[in-house]
Structures are given as C-alpha cells and as structure tokens.
Amino acid sequence: MKPRRWIGRWMIGIGVIHSLFGFVFLRGTLAVIWSEGLVNTVNGQPEREFAFWFIYFGLLALVLGGLIDWCEARRAGLPRFLGWALLGMAVLCAVIMPISGIWLLFPPALGAVLARGER
C-alpha cells in the first residue's frame, strides 16, 4: 500500500495560512515597508520586524513543505533529524508562546518523527 503524502502538504497549508493571515492583518505595516522601498526599512522597528518575520516564516514553511512533499512523492523518506527538529521547535515555541498557531506544527512534526525514512 502506498504511504499517504500528508506531512509536506500540511506544512504547505501552514505556510499558506500564515502568509495569508499576515498579508491580511499586517497589511498596513507591510504597505509602509513597501512604500519606503524595502531596503533597510525594518531594522530597529519592532512592529515592522514582527510583520517581516511573520511573512518570512510563512514563506519558509511553504518551501519546507514543498521539499517534504517532494520527498514523500518519491518515497525518499525523511531524515529523522527533521522530525525531531520540528518537534523541538514546536515544543519550545509552545512553552514561550502557548497562545499561537504553533500547535499546527505538532502533527507534521510527529508524523516526520514516526515516518519510515532515513534514520
């Protein structure tokens, strides 16, 4: 039976949700950054730094999800360290910021830990 491809797709979903949420709710801050020409318009301004890293994380989740989905499609397996790293990051963030969307990272992290792949 062919294993289901879900871990990468879940991560892509996180990236899409995170990015859309950021573009909708941080659009004012992002518009100011854009209007100033992007170059060196963020450093030292917490609201802008938050908006930048919020969007940037969404994009990173999309890229990582795409890579994981690519591996799953080829049945290449996932390296064990990836699952443990995602799980460790999720736990750390949940401790520091429990009221956040980090809980969405637990299913793919656990799935990657339990996936049959390169050990």
PDB file of N, CA and C in Angstrom:
ATOM      1  N   MET A   1       0.844  -1.186   0.000  1.00  0.00           N
ATOM      2  CA  MET A   1       0.000   0.000   0.000  1.00  0.00           C
ATOM      3  C   MET A   1       0.887   1.247   0.000  1.00  0.00           C
ATOM      4  N   LYS A   2       0.543   2.167  -0.838  1.00  0.00           N
ATOM      5  CA  LYS A   2       1.305   3.408  -0.982  1.00  0.00           C
ATOM      6  C   LYS A   2       1.083   4.321   0.229  1.00  0.00           C
ATOM      7  N   PRO A   3       2.191   4.804   0.860  1.00  0.00           N
ATOM      8  CA  PRO A   3       2.011   5.717   2.004  1.00  0.00           C
ATOM      9  C   PRO A   3       1.384   7.038   1.576  1.00  0.00           C
ATOM     10  N   ARG A   4       0.592   7.592   2.473  1.00  0.00           N
ATOM     11  CA  ARG A   4      -0.069   8.872   2.182  1.00  0.00           C
ATOM     12  C   ARG A   4       0.930  10.015   2.268  1.00  0.00           C
ATOM     13  N   ARG A   5       0.790  10.931   1.342  1.00  0.00           N
ATOM     14  CA  ARG A   5       1.577  12.166   1.355  1.00  0.00           C
ATOM     15  C   ARG A   5       0.776  13.207   2.120  1.00  0.00           C
ATOM     16  N   TRP A   6       1.168  13.477   3.337  1.00  0.00           N
ATOM     17  CA  TRP A   6       0.411  14.479   4.090  1.00  0.00           C
ATOM     18  C   TRP A   6       1.302  15.446   4.852  1.00  0.00           C
ATOM     19  N   ILE A   7       2.492  15.031   5.227  1.00  0.00           N
ATOM     20  CA  ILE A   7       3.336  15.870   6.064  1.00  0.00           C
ATOM     21  C   ILE A   7       3.718  17.156   5.326  1.00  0.00           C
ATOM     22  N   GLY A   8       4.214  17.025   4.122  1.00  0.00           N
ATOM     23  CA  GLY A   8       4.581  18.203   3.335  1.00  0.00           C
ATOM     24  C   GLY A   8       3.382  19.070   3.013  1.00  0.00           C
ATOM     25  N   ARG A   9       2.282  18.436   2.691  1.00  0.00           N
ATOM     26  CA  ARG A   9       1.075  19.201   2.364  1.00  0.00           C
ATOM     27  C   ARG A   9       0.558  19.957   3.587  1.00  0.00           C
ATOM     28  N   TRP A  10       0.683  19.354   4.755  1.00  0.00           N
ATOM     29  CA  TRP A  10       0.286  20.040   5.993  1.00  0.00           C
ATOM     30  C   TRP A  10       1.160  21.272   6.195  1.00  0.00           C
ATOM     31  N   MET A  11       2.473  21.106   5.986  1.00  0.00           N
ATOM     32  CA  MET A  11       3.399  22.234   6.130  1.00  0.00           C
ATOM     33  C   MET A  11       3.082  23.332   5.110  1.00  0.00           C
ATOM     34  N   ILE A  12       2.750  22.949   3.895  1.00  0.00           N
ATOM     35  CA  ILE A  12       2.353  23.930   2.876  1.00  0.00           C
ATOM     36  C   ILE A  12       1.107  24.671   3.360  1.00  0.00           C
ATOM     37  N   GLY A  13       0.159  23.938   3.938  1.00  0.00           N
ATOM     38  CA  GLY A  13      -1.040  24.562   4.484  1.00  0.00           C
ATOM     39  C   GLY A  13      -0.716  25.571   5.572  1.00  0.00           C
ATOM     40  N   ILE A  14       0.222  25.213   6.458  1.00  0.00           N
ATOM     41  CA  ILE A  14       0.652  26.151   7.496  1.00  0.00           C
ATOM     42  C   ILE A  14       1.225  27.406   6.845  1.00  0.00           C
ATOM     43  N   GLY A  15       2.054  27.219   5.825  1.00  0.00           N
ATOM     44  CA  GLY A  15       2.656  28.360   5.137  1.00  0.00           C
ATOM     45  C   GLY A  15       1.621  29.252   4.480  1.00  0.00           C
ATOM     46  N   VAL A  16       0.638  28.646   3.850  1.00  0.00           N
ATOM     47  CA  VAL A  16      -0.421  29.420   3.189  1.00  0.00           C
ATOM     48  C   VAL A  16      -1.233  30.190   4.231  1.00  0.00           C
ATOM     49  N   ILE A  17      -1.658  29.503   5.291  1.00  0.00           N
ATOM     50  CA  ILE A  17      -2.456  30.154   6.337  1.00  0.00           C
ATOM     51  C   ILE A  17      -1.664  31.288   6.981  1.00  0.00           C
ATOM     52  N   HIS A  18      -0.412  31.012   7.314  1.00  0.00           N
ATOM     53  CA  HIS A  18       0.432  32.010   7.974  1.00  0.00           C
ATOM     54  C   HIS A  18       0.621  33.227   7.081  1.00  0.00           C
ATOM     55  N   SER A  19       0.925  32.994   5.822  1.00  0.00           N
ATOM     56  CA  SER A  19       1.155  34.102   4.895  1.00  0.00           C
ATOM     57  C   SER A  19      -0.114  34.914   4.658  1.00  0.00           C
ATOM     58  N   LEU A  20      -1.225  34.228   4.410  1.00  0.00           N
ATOM     59  CA  LEU A  20      -2.489  34.943   4.183  1.00  0.00           C
ATOM     60  C   LEU A  20      -2.888  35.749   5.412  1.00  0.00           C
ATOM     61  N   PHE A  21      -2.775  35.139   6.585  1.00  0.00           N
ATOM     62  CA  PHE A  21      -3.090  35.832   7.822  1.00  0.00           C
ATOM     63  C   PHE A  21      -2.221  37.088   7.944  1.00  0.00           C
ATOM     64  N   GLY A  22      -0.933  36.941   7.670  1.00  0.00           N
ATOM     65  CA  GLY A  22      -0.022  38.078   7.751  1.00  0.00           C
ATOM     66  C   GLY A  22      -0.359  39.172   6.757  1.00  0.00           C
ATOM     67  N   PHE A  23      -0.617  38.785   5.512  1.00  0.00           N
ATOM     68  CA  PHE A  23      -0.928  39.788   4.493  1.00  0.00           C
ATOM     69  C   PHE A  23      -2.239  40.511   4.787  1.00  0.00           C
ATOM     70  N   VAL A  24      -3.200  39.813   5.410  1.00  0.00           N
ATOM     71  CA  VAL A  24      -4.479  40.447   5.733  1.00  0.00           C
ATOM     72  C   VAL A  24      -4.358  41.345   6.966  1.00  0.00           C
ATOM     73  N   PHE A  25      -3.821  40.796   8.049  1.00  0.00           N
ATOM     74  CA  PHE A  25      -3.831  41.522   9.316  1.00  0.00           C
ATOM     75  C   PHE A  25      -2.636  42.453   9.523  1.00  0.00           C
ATOM     76  N   LEU A  26      -1.609  42.288   8.728  1.00  0.00           N
ATOM     77  CA  LEU A  26      -0.435  43.161   8.850  1.00  0.00           C
ATOM     78  C   LEU A  26      -0.255  44.026   7.605  1.00  0.00           C
ATOM     79  N   ARG A  27      -1.302  44.124   6.796  1.00  0.00           N
ATOM     80  CA  ARG A  27      -1.193  44.831   5.511  1.00  0.00           C
ATOM     81  C   ARG A  27      -0.779  46.294   5.667  1.00  0.00           C
ATOM     82  N   GLY A  28      -1.225  46.957   6.725  1.00  0.00           N
ATOM     83  CA  GLY A  28      -0.850  48.357   6.928  1.00  0.00           C
ATOM     84  C   GLY A  28       0.649  48.505   7.127  1.00  0.00           C
ATOM     85  N   THR A  29       1.199  47.678   7.995  1.00  0.00           N
ATOM     86  CA  THR A  29       2.644  47.716   8.249  1.00  0.00           C
ATOM     87  C   THR A  29       3.415  47.310   7.005  1.00  0.00           C
ATOM     88  N   LEU A  30       2.948  46.275   6.320  1.00  0.00           N
ATOM     89  CA  LEU A  30       3.621  45.827   5.096  1.00  0.00           C
ATOM     90  C   LEU A  30       3.565  46.904   4.010  1.00  0.00           C
ATOM     91  N   ALA A  31       2.459  47.630   3.941  1.00  0.00           N
ATOM     92  CA  ALA A  31       2.330  48.706   2.951  1.00  0.00           C
ATOM     93  C   ALA A  31       3.331  49.820   3.216  1.00  0.00           C
ATOM     94  N   VAL A  32       3.556  50.137   4.489  1.00  0.00           N
ATOM     95  CA  VAL A  32       4.534  51.178   4.832  1.00  0.00           C
ATOM     96  C   VAL A  32       5.938  50.718   4.442  1.00  0.00           C
ATOM     97  N   ILE A  33       6.265  49.460   4.754  1.00  0.00           N
ATOM     98  CA  ILE A  33       7.577  48.922   4.377  1.00  0.00           C
ATOM     99  C   ILE A  33       7.746  48.999   2.864  1.00  0.00           C
ATOM    100  N   TRP A  34       6.727  48.564   2.136  1.00  0.00           N
ATOM    101  CA  TRP A  34       6.763  48.571   0.668  1.00  0.00           C
ATOM    102  C   TRP A  34       6.915  49.990   0.130  1.00  0.00           C
ATOM    103  N   SER A  35       6.154  50.924   0.696  1.00  0.00           N
ATOM    104  CA  SER A  35       6.169  52.304   0.192  1.00  0.00           C
ATOM    105  C   SER A  35       7.512  52.990   0.411  1.00  0.00           C
ATOM    106  N   GLU A  36       8.255  52.528   1.403  1.00  0.00           N
ATOM    107  CA  GLU A  36       9.567  53.120   1.669  1.00  0.00           C
ATOM    108  C   GLU A  36      10.680  52.463   0.863  1.00  0.00           C
ATOM    109  N   GLY A  37      10.317  51.496   0.022  1.00  0.00           N
ATOM    110  CA  GLY A  37      11.290  50.912  -0.884  1.00  0.00           C
ATOM    111  C   GLY A  37      11.979  49.653  -0.402  1.00  0.00           C
ATOM    112  N   LEU A  38      11.530  49.050   0.675  1.00  0.00           N
ATOM    113  CA  LEU A  38      12.019  47.781   1.213  1.00  0.00           C
ATOM    114  C   LEU A  38      13.430  47.830   1.814  1.00  0.00           C
ATOM    115  N   VAL A  39      14.370  48.462   1.157  1.00  0.00           N
ATOM    116  CA  VAL A  39      15.761  48.416   1.586  1.00  0.00           C
ATOM    117  C   VAL A  39      15.936  49.122   2.935  1.00  0.00           C
ATOM    118  N   ASN A  40      16.388  48.363   3.923  1.00  0.00           N
ATOM    119  CA  ASN A  40      16.682  48.870   5.264  1.00  0.00           C
ATOM    120  C   ASN A  40      15.498  49.617   5.892  1.00  0.00           C
ATOM    121  N   THR A  41      14.299  49.067   5.722  1.00  0.00           N
ATOM    122  CA  THR A  41      13.103  49.730   6.269  1.00  0.00           C
ATOM    123  C   THR A  41      12.522  49.008   7.472  1.00  0.00           C
ATOM    124  N   VAL A  42      13.243  48.000   8.000  1.00  0.00           N
ATOM    125  CA  VAL A  42      12.673  47.170   9.058  1.00  0.00           C
ATOM    126  C   VAL A  42      13.471  47.246  10.361  1.00  0.00           C
ATOM    127  N   ASN A  43      14.786  47.237  10.287  1.00  0.00           N
ATOM    128  CA  ASN A  43      15.632  47.140  11.481  1.00  0.00           C
ATOM    129  C   ASN A  43      15.321  48.194  12.529  1.00  0.00           C
ATOM    130  N   GLY A  44      15.221  47.731  13.775  1.00  0.00           N
ATOM    131  CA  GLY A  44      15.009  48.635  14.895  1.00  0.00           C
ATOM    132  C   GLY A  44      13.585  49.110  15.080  1.00  0.00           C
ATOM    133  N   GLN A  45      12.657  48.558  14.307  1.00  0.00           N
ATOM    134  CA  GLN A  45      11.250  48.941  14.423  1.00  0.00           C
ATOM    135  C   GLN A  45      10.439  47.662  14.683  1.00  0.00           C
ATOM    136  N   PRO A  46      10.150  47.390  15.956  1.00  0.00           N
ATOM    137  CA  PRO A  46       9.539  46.116  16.343  1.00  0.00           C
ATOM    138  C   PRO A  46       8.293  45.719  15.548  1.00  0.00           C
ATOM    139  N   GLU A  47       7.413  46.673  15.276  1.00  0.00           N
ATOM    140  CA  GLU A  47       6.186  46.337  14.534  1.00  0.00           C
ATOM    141  C   GLU A  47       6.528  45.858  13.121  1.00  0.00           C
ATOM    142  N   ARG A  48       7.487  46.499  12.504  1.00  0.00           N
ATOM    143  CA  ARG A  48       7.903  46.096  11.159  1.00  0.00           C
ATOM    144  C   ARG A  48       8.675  44.786  11.187  1.00  0.00           C
ATOM    145  N   GLU A  49       9.508  44.607  12.206  1.00  0.00           N
ATOM    146  CA  GLU A  49      10.256  43.356  12.336  1.00  0.00           C
ATOM    147  C   GLU A  49       9.288  42.181  12.509  1.00  0.00           C
ATOM    148  N   PHE A  50       8.262  42.378  13.335  1.00  0.00           N
ATOM    149  CA  PHE A  50       7.254  41.340  13.536  1.00  0.00           C
ATOM    150  C   PHE A  50       6.579  40.988  12.215  1.00  0.00           C
ATOM    151  N   ALA A  51       6.144  41.995  11.478  1.00  0.00           N
ATOM    152  CA  ALA A  51       5.463  41.761  10.200  1.00  0.00           C
ATOM    153  C   ALA A  51       6.369  41.027   9.226  1.00  0.00           C
ATOM    154  N   PHE A  52       7.626  41.464   9.146  1.00  0.00           N
ATOM    155  CA  PHE A  52       8.572  40.811   8.229  1.00  0.00           C
ATOM    156  C   PHE A  52       8.749  39.352   8.594  1.00  0.00           C
ATOM    157  N   TRP A  53       9.056  39.045   9.861  1.00  0.00           N
ATOM    158  CA  TRP A  53       9.322  37.666  10.254  1.00  0.00           C
ATOM    159  C   TRP A  53       8.067  36.810  10.195  1.00  0.00           C
ATOM    160  N   PHE A  54       6.910  37.406  10.398  1.00  0.00           N
ATOM    161  CA  PHE A  54       5.660  36.668  10.285  1.00  0.00           C
ATOM    162  C   PHE A  54       5.491  36.165   8.847  1.00  0.00           C
ATOM    163  N   ILE A  55       5.650  37.061   7.891  1.00  0.00           N
ATOM    164  CA  ILE A  55       5.540  36.690   6.476  1.00  0.00           C
ATOM    165  C   ILE A  55       6.666  35.744   6.083  1.00  0.00           C
ATOM    166  N   TYR A  56       7.866  36.035   6.551  1.00  0.00           N
ATOM    167  CA  TYR A  56       9.032  35.225   6.191  1.00  0.00           C
ATOM    168  C   TYR A  56       8.870  33.786   6.668  1.00  0.00           C
ATOM    169  N   PHE A  57       8.341  33.597   7.895  1.00  0.00           N
ATOM    170  CA  PHE A  57       8.109  32.239   8.375  1.00  0.00           C
ATOM    171  C   PHE A  57       7.109  31.510   7.479  1.00  0.00           C
ATOM    172  N   GLY A  58       6.053  32.200   7.055  1.00  0.00           N
ATOM    173  CA  GLY A  58       5.083  31.584   6.162  1.00  0.00           C
ATOM    174  C   GLY A  58       5.731  31.110   4.875  1.00  0.00           C
ATOM    175  N   LEU A  59       6.616  31.926   4.322  1.00  0.00           N
ATOM    176  CA  LEU A  59       7.308  31.542   3.096  1.00  0.00           C
ATOM    177  C   LEU A  59       8.254  30.366   3.332  1.00  0.00           C
ATOM    178  N   LEU A  60       8.956  30.370   4.461  1.00  0.00           N
ATOM    179  CA  LEU A  60       9.829  29.248   4.799  1.00  0.00           C
ATOM    180  C   LEU A  60       9.035  27.960   4.968  1.00  0.00           C
ATOM    181  N   ALA A  61       7.862  28.041   5.586  1.00  0.00           N
ATOM    182  CA  ALA A  61       7.011  26.863   5.748  1.00  0.00           C
ATOM    183  C   ALA A  61       6.564  26.334   4.388  1.00  0.00           C
ATOM    184  N   LEU A  62       6.269  27.239   3.451  1.00  0.00           N
ATOM    185  CA  LEU A  62       5.907  26.817   2.095  1.00  0.00           C
ATOM    186  C   LEU A  62       7.057  26.069   1.418  1.00  0.00           C
ATOM    187  N   VAL A  63       8.252  26.609   1.523  1.00  0.00           N
ATOM    188  CA  VAL A  63       9.419  25.975   0.897  1.00  0.00           C
ATOM    189  C   VAL A  63       9.709  24.619   1.547  1.00  0.00           C
ATOM    190  N   LEU A  64       9.717  24.579   2.877  1.00  0.00           N
ATOM    191  CA  LEU A  64       9.977  23.323   3.577  1.00  0.00           C
ATOM    192  C   LEU A  64       8.884  22.298   3.266  1.00  0.00           C
ATOM    193  N   GLY A  65       7.645  22.748   3.252  1.00  0.00           N
ATOM    194  CA  GLY A  65       6.544  21.849   2.909  1.00  0.00           C
ATOM    195  C   GLY A  65       6.675  21.302   1.498  1.00  0.00           C
ATOM    196  N   GLY A  66       7.083  22.153   0.568  1.00  0.00           N
ATOM    197  CA  GLY A  66       7.296  21.696  -0.808  1.00  0.00           C
ATOM    198  C   GLY A  66       8.382  20.639  -0.891  1.00  0.00           C
ATOM    199  N   LEU A  67       9.464  20.845  -0.159  1.00  0.00           N
ATOM    200  CA  LEU A  67      10.555  19.869  -0.150  1.00  0.00           C
ATOM    201  C   LEU A  67      10.103  18.551   0.475  1.00  0.00           C
ATOM    202  N   ILE A  68       9.406  18.631   1.597  1.00  0.00           N
ATOM    203  CA  ILE A  68       8.920  17.414   2.256  1.00  0.00           C
ATOM    204  C   ILE A  68       7.946  16.671   1.345  1.00  0.00           C
ATOM    205  N   ASP A  69       7.036  17.400   0.694  1.00  0.00           N
ATOM    206  CA  ASP A  69       6.084  16.765  -0.220  1.00  0.00           C
ATOM    207  C   ASP A  69       6.814  16.107  -1.385  1.00  0.00           C
ATOM    208  N   TRP A  70       7.840  16.753  -1.875  1.00  0.00           N
ATOM    209  CA  TRP A  70       8.651  16.188  -2.962  1.00  0.00           C
ATOM    210  C   TRP A  70       9.278  14.874  -2.514  1.00  0.00           C
ATOM    211  N   CYS A  71       9.824  14.852  -1.295  1.00  0.00           N
ATOM    212  CA  CYS A  71      10.409  13.618  -0.761  1.00  0.00           C
ATOM    213  C   CYS A  71       9.345  12.537  -0.596  1.00  0.00           C
ATOM    214  N   GLU A  72       8.194  12.932  -0.076  1.00  0.00           N
ATOM    215  CA  GLU A  72       7.117  11.957   0.124  1.00  0.00           C
ATOM    216  C   GLU A  72       6.636  11.396  -1.210  1.00  0.00           C
ATOM    217  N   ALA A  73       6.549  12.235  -2.238  1.00  0.00           N
ATOM    218  CA  ALA A  73       6.079  11.782  -3.550  1.00  0.00           C
ATOM    219  C   ALA A  73       7.038  10.757  -4.154  1.00  0.00           C
ATOM    220  N   ARG A  74       8.314  10.870  -3.843  1.00  0.00           N
ATOM    221  CA  ARG A  74       9.321   9.964  -4.381  1.00  0.00           C
ATOM    222  C   ARG A  74       9.647   8.831  -3.416  1.00  0.00           C
ATOM    223  N   ARG A  75       8.896   8.798  -2.321  1.00  0.00           N
ATOM    224  CA  ARG A  75       9.120   7.798  -1.278  1.00  0.00           C
ATOM    225  C   ARG A  75      10.582   7.767  -0.845  1.00  0.00           C
ATOM    226  N   ALA A  76      11.177   8.955  -0.834  1.00  0.00           N
ATOM    227  CA  ALA A  76      12.591   9.071  -0.476  1.00  0.00           C
ATOM    228  C   ALA A  76      12.794   8.963   1.028  1.00  0.00           C
ATOM    229  N   GLY A  77      11.753   9.132   1.794  1.00  0.00           N
ATOM    230  CA  GLY A  77      11.879   9.115   3.242  1.00  0.00           C
ATOM    231  C   GLY A  77      12.381  10.454   3.751  1.00  0.00           C
ATOM    232  N   LEU A  78      12.128  10.695   4.991  1.00  0.00           N
ATOM    233  CA  LEU A  78      12.553  11.941   5.622  1.00  0.00           C
ATOM    234  C   LEU A  78      13.625  11.616   6.650  1.00  0.00           C
ATOM    235  N   PRO A  79      14.638  12.455   6.735  1.00  0.00           N
ATOM    236  CA  PRO A  79      15.654  12.202   7.763  1.00  0.00           C
ATOM    237  C   PRO A  79      15.053  12.383   9.151  1.00  0.00           C
ATOM    238  N   ARG A  80      15.430  11.515  10.052  1.00  0.00           N
ATOM    239  CA  ARG A  80      14.868  11.544  11.405  1.00  0.00           C
ATOM    240  C   ARG A  80      15.089  12.897  12.080  1.00  0.00           C
ATOM    241  N   PHE A  81      16.271  13.510  11.834  1.00  0.00           N
ATOM    242  CA  PHE A  81      16.566  14.785  12.492  1.00  0.00           C
ATOM    243  C   PHE A  81      15.530  15.851  12.153  1.00  0.00           C
ATOM    244  N   LEU A  82      14.940  15.770  10.961  1.00  0.00           N
ATOM    245  CA  LEU A  82      13.958  16.777  10.558  1.00  0.00           C
ATOM    246  C   LEU A  82      12.740  16.744  11.478  1.00  0.00           C
ATOM    247  N   GLY A  83      12.224  15.562  11.716  1.00  0.00           N
ATOM    248  CA  GLY A  83      11.075  15.434  12.601  1.00  0.00           C
ATOM    249  C   GLY A  83      11.391  15.895  14.011  1.00  0.00           C
ATOM    250  N   TRP A  84      12.544  15.488  14.518  1.00  0.00           N
ATOM    251  CA  TRP A  84      12.928  15.888  15.871  1.00  0.00           C
ATOM    252  C   TRP A  84      13.165  17.389  15.960  1.00  0.00           C
ATOM    253  N   ALA A  85      13.756  17.961  14.925  1.00  0.00           N
ATOM    254  CA  ALA A  85      13.983  19.416  14.925  1.00  0.00           C
ATOM    255  C   ALA A  85      12.658  20.168  14.910  1.00  0.00           C
ATOM    256  N   LEU A  86      11.719  19.749  14.070  1.00  0.00           N
ATOM    257  CA  LEU A  86      10.400  20.390  14.029  1.00  0.00           C
ATOM    258  C   LEU A  86       9.679  20.239  15.364  1.00  0.00           C
ATOM    259  N   LEU A  87       9.776  19.050  15.960  1.00  0.00           N
ATOM    260  CA  LEU A  87       9.119  18.818  17.236  1.00  0.00           C
ATOM    261  C   LEU A  87       9.749  19.675  18.336  1.00  0.00           C
ATOM    262  N   GLY A  88      11.064  19.749  18.356  1.00  0.00           N
ATOM    263  CA  GLY A  88      11.747  20.587  19.346  1.00  0.00           C
ATOM    264  C   GLY A  88      11.382  22.051  19.194  1.00  0.00           C
ATOM    265  N   MET A  89      11.327  22.525  17.954  1.00  0.00           N
ATOM    266  CA  MET A  89      10.946  23.919  17.707  1.00  0.00           C
ATOM    267  C   MET A  89       9.511  24.169  18.152  1.00  0.00           C
ATOM    268  N   ALA A  90       8.620  23.209  17.883  1.00  0.00           N
ATOM    269  CA  ALA A  90       7.216  23.363  18.272  1.00  0.00           C
ATOM    270  C   ALA A  90       7.073  23.406  19.791  1.00  0.00           C
ATOM    271  N   VAL A  91       7.787  22.516  20.491  1.00  0.00           N
ATOM    272  CA  VAL A  91       7.713  22.493  21.952  1.00  0.00           C
ATOM    273  C   VAL A  91       8.240  23.806  22.529  1.00  0.00           C
ATOM    274  N   LEU A  92       9.393  24.251  22.043  1.00  0.00           N
ATOM    275  CA  LEU A  92       9.981  25.499  22.544  1.00  0.00           C
ATOM    276  C   LEU A  92       9.026  26.675  22.344  1.00  0.00           C
ATOM    277  N   CYS A  93       8.463  26.774  21.155  1.00  0.00           N
ATOM    278  CA  CYS A  93       7.549  27.880  20.875  1.00  0.00           C
ATOM    279  C   CYS A  93       6.273  27.766  21.708  1.00  0.00           C
ATOM    280  N   ALA A  94       5.769  26.542  21.899  1.00  0.00           N
ATOM    281  CA  ALA A  94       4.547  26.361  22.697  1.00  0.00           C
ATOM    282  C   ALA A  94       4.781  26.754  24.151  1.00  0.00           C
ATOM    283  N   VAL A  95       5.983  26.542  24.648  1.00  0.00           N
ATOM    284  CA  VAL A  95       6.297  26.933  26.021  1.00  0.00           C
ATOM    285  C   VAL A  95       6.380  28.456  26.119  1.00  0.00           C
ATOM    286  N   ILE A  96       7.052  29.068  25.155  1.00  0.00           N
ATOM    287  CA  ILE A  96       7.258  30.516  25.189  1.00  0.00           C
ATOM    288  C   ILE A  96       5.995  31.280  24.803  1.00  0.00           C
ATOM    289  N   MET A  97       5.266  30.763  23.806  1.00  0.00           N
ATOM    290  CA  MET A  97       4.084  31.457  23.273  1.00  0.00           C
ATOM    291  C   MET A  97       2.939  30.458  23.085  1.00  0.00           C
ATOM    292  N   PRO A  98       2.342  29.986  24.174  1.00  0.00           N
ATOM    293  CA  PRO A  98       1.319  28.949  24.028  1.00  0.00           C
ATOM    294  C   PRO A  98       0.066  29.402  23.277  1.00  0.00           C
ATOM    295  N   ILE A  99      -0.237  30.680  23.331  1.00  0.00           N
ATOM    296  CA  ILE A  99      -1.411  31.171  22.596  1.00  0.00           C
ATOM    297  C   ILE A  99      -0.920  31.652  21.236  1.00  0.00           C
ATOM    298  N   SER A 100      -0.805  30.695  20.329  1.00  0.00           N
ATOM    299  CA  SER A 100      -0.325  30.966  18.976  1.00  0.00           C
ATOM    300  C   SER A 100      -0.754  29.805  18.088  1.00  0.00           C
ATOM    301  N   GLY A 101      -0.387  29.883  16.845  1.00  0.00           N
ATOM    302  CA  GLY A 101      -0.709  28.818  15.902  1.00  0.00           C
ATOM    303  C   GLY A 101       0.310  27.694  15.899  1.00  0.00           C
ATOM    304  N   ILE A 102       1.262  27.714  16.816  1.00  0.00           N
ATOM    305  CA  ILE A 102       2.326  26.702  16.816  1.00  0.00           C
ATOM    306  C   ILE A 102       1.778  25.290  16.963  1.00  0.00           C
ATOM    307  N   TRP A 103       0.597  25.167  17.528  1.00  0.00           N
ATOM    308  CA  TRP A 103       0.015  23.843  17.721  1.00  0.00           C
ATOM    309  C   TRP A 103      -0.223  23.134  16.390  1.00  0.00           C
ATOM    310  N   LEU A 104      -0.330  23.903  15.311  1.00  0.00           N
ATOM    311  CA  LEU A 104      -0.488  23.293  13.980  1.00  0.00           C
ATOM    312  C   LEU A 104       0.779  22.579  13.514  1.00  0.00           C
ATOM    313  N   LEU A 105       1.917  22.874  14.138  1.00  0.00           N
ATOM    314  CA  LEU A 105       3.176  22.240  13.741  1.00  0.00           C
ATOM    315  C   LEU A 105       3.348  20.860  14.370  1.00  0.00           C
ATOM    316  N   PHE A 106       2.621  20.555  15.437  1.00  0.00           N
ATOM    317  CA  PHE A 106       2.794  19.265  16.106  1.00  0.00           C
ATOM    318  C   PHE A 106       2.442  18.059  15.229  1.00  0.00           C
ATOM    319  N   PRO A 107       1.316  18.045  14.502  1.00  0.00           N
ATOM    320  CA  PRO A 107       1.023  16.869  13.679  1.00  0.00           C
ATOM    321  C   PRO A 107       2.108  16.549  12.640  1.00  0.00           C
ATOM    322  N   PRO A 108       2.565  17.529  11.824  1.00  0.00           N
ATOM    323  CA  PRO A 108       3.602  17.144  10.866  1.00  0.00           C
ATOM    324  C   PRO A 108       4.930  16.800  11.540  1.00  0.00           C
ATOM    325  N   ALA A 109       5.238  17.438  12.661  1.00  0.00           N
ATOM    326  CA  ALA A 109       6.472  17.114  13.376  1.00  0.00           C
ATOM    327  C   ALA A 109       6.438  15.664  13.868  1.00  0.00           C
ATOM    328  N   LEU A 110       5.339  15.295  14.495  1.00  0.00           N
ATOM    329  CA  LEU A 110       5.197  13.924  14.971  1.00  0.00           C
ATOM    330  C   LEU A 110       5.152  12.935  13.798  1.00  0.00           C
ATOM    331  N   GLY A 111       4.472  13.344  12.727  1.00  0.00           N
ATOM    332  CA  GLY A 111       4.430  12.494  11.534  1.00  0.00           C
ATOM    333  C   GLY A 111       5.811  12.258  10.961  1.00  0.00           C
ATOM    334  N   ALA A 112       6.643  13.289  10.958  1.00  0.00           N
ATOM    335  CA  ALA A 112       8.012  13.160  10.439  1.00  0.00           C
ATOM    336  C   ALA A 112       8.863  12.298  11.363  1.00  0.00           C
ATOM    337  N   VAL A 113       8.649  12.415  12.687  1.00  0.00           N
ATOM    338  CA  VAL A 113       9.391  11.570  13.626  1.00  0.00           C
ATOM    339  C   VAL A 113       9.039  10.095  13.418  1.00  0.00           C
ATOM    340  N   LEU A 114       7.763   9.835  13.198  1.00  0.00           N
ATOM    341  CA  LEU A 114       7.293   8.459  13.074  1.00  0.00           C
ATOM    342  C   LEU A 114       7.397   7.888  11.655  1.00  0.00           C
ATOM    343  N   ALA A 115       7.649   8.749  10.673  1.00  0.00           N
ATOM    344  CA  ALA A 115       7.720   8.297   9.276  1.00  0.00           C
ATOM    345  C   ALA A 115       8.883   7.341   9.078  1.00  0.00           C
ATOM    346  N   ARG A 116       8.680   6.417   8.199  1.00  0.00           N
ATOM    347  CA  ARG A 116       9.761   5.498   7.857  1.00  0.00           C
ATOM    348  C   ARG A 116      10.648   6.210   6.844  1.00  0.00           C
ATOM    349  N   GLY A 117      11.860   6.364   7.193  1.00  0.00           N
ATOM    350  CA  GLY A 117      12.780   7.072   6.297  1.00  0.00           C
ATOM    351  C   GLY A 117      14.205   6.875   6.743  1.00  0.00           C
ATOM    352  N   GLU A 118      15.049   7.739   6.315  1.00  0.00           N
ATOM    353  CA  GLU A 118      16.466   7.667   6.658  1.00  0.00           C
ATOM    354  C   GLU A 118      16.635   7.876   8.148  1.00  0.00           C
ATOM    355  N   ARG A 119      17.305   7.007   8.787  1.00  0.00           N
ATOM    356  CA  ARG A 119      17.485   7.067  10.233  1.00  0.00           C
ATOM    357  C   ARG A 119      18.920   7.362  10.502  1.00  0.00           C
TER     358      ARG A 119
END
